[in-house]
Amino acid sequence: GKLGEAELLFTRALEGREKQLGSSHPRTLATMYRLATLLRQAGRVEEAIPLFRRELEGLALQLGDEDEETLCSASNLLELIKPRDAEEARQLRTRFGLSVQGSTPLLGCFAQCLVM
């Protein structure tokens, strides 16, 4: 269906961007975020989490741990991690200064706004 087609397109785009631009380039991170979001929306959270992790690390590398976009990405990942891995959730909260309760994922993250 449409999700399968979109996944294939995003996967190909991600592979191409990583080859051409590198894994931490803003456009690569945007494509990574979009693919991860599509997987999450399709109920494939376990497949999405590694992509969200990579996107977060790329943003942290490019923008720093305290940048608003990095914190937004960390908050989004925390929401997915909390019910699955308490230790990783604790590490995210500590590294990025997120609250113990966590926060609702924020909209308008850096990667969402970039042109593909």
Foldseek 3Di string as FASTA:
>chain_A
DVLVVVLVVLVVVLVVCCVVPNLLDLQNLLSLQVNLVSCVVVVNNVVSLVSLVSSLVSCCVVPNLADPLSLLSLLVSLVSCVVPPVVVNVVSCVSNVADPVGDDRDPDHSSNPDDD
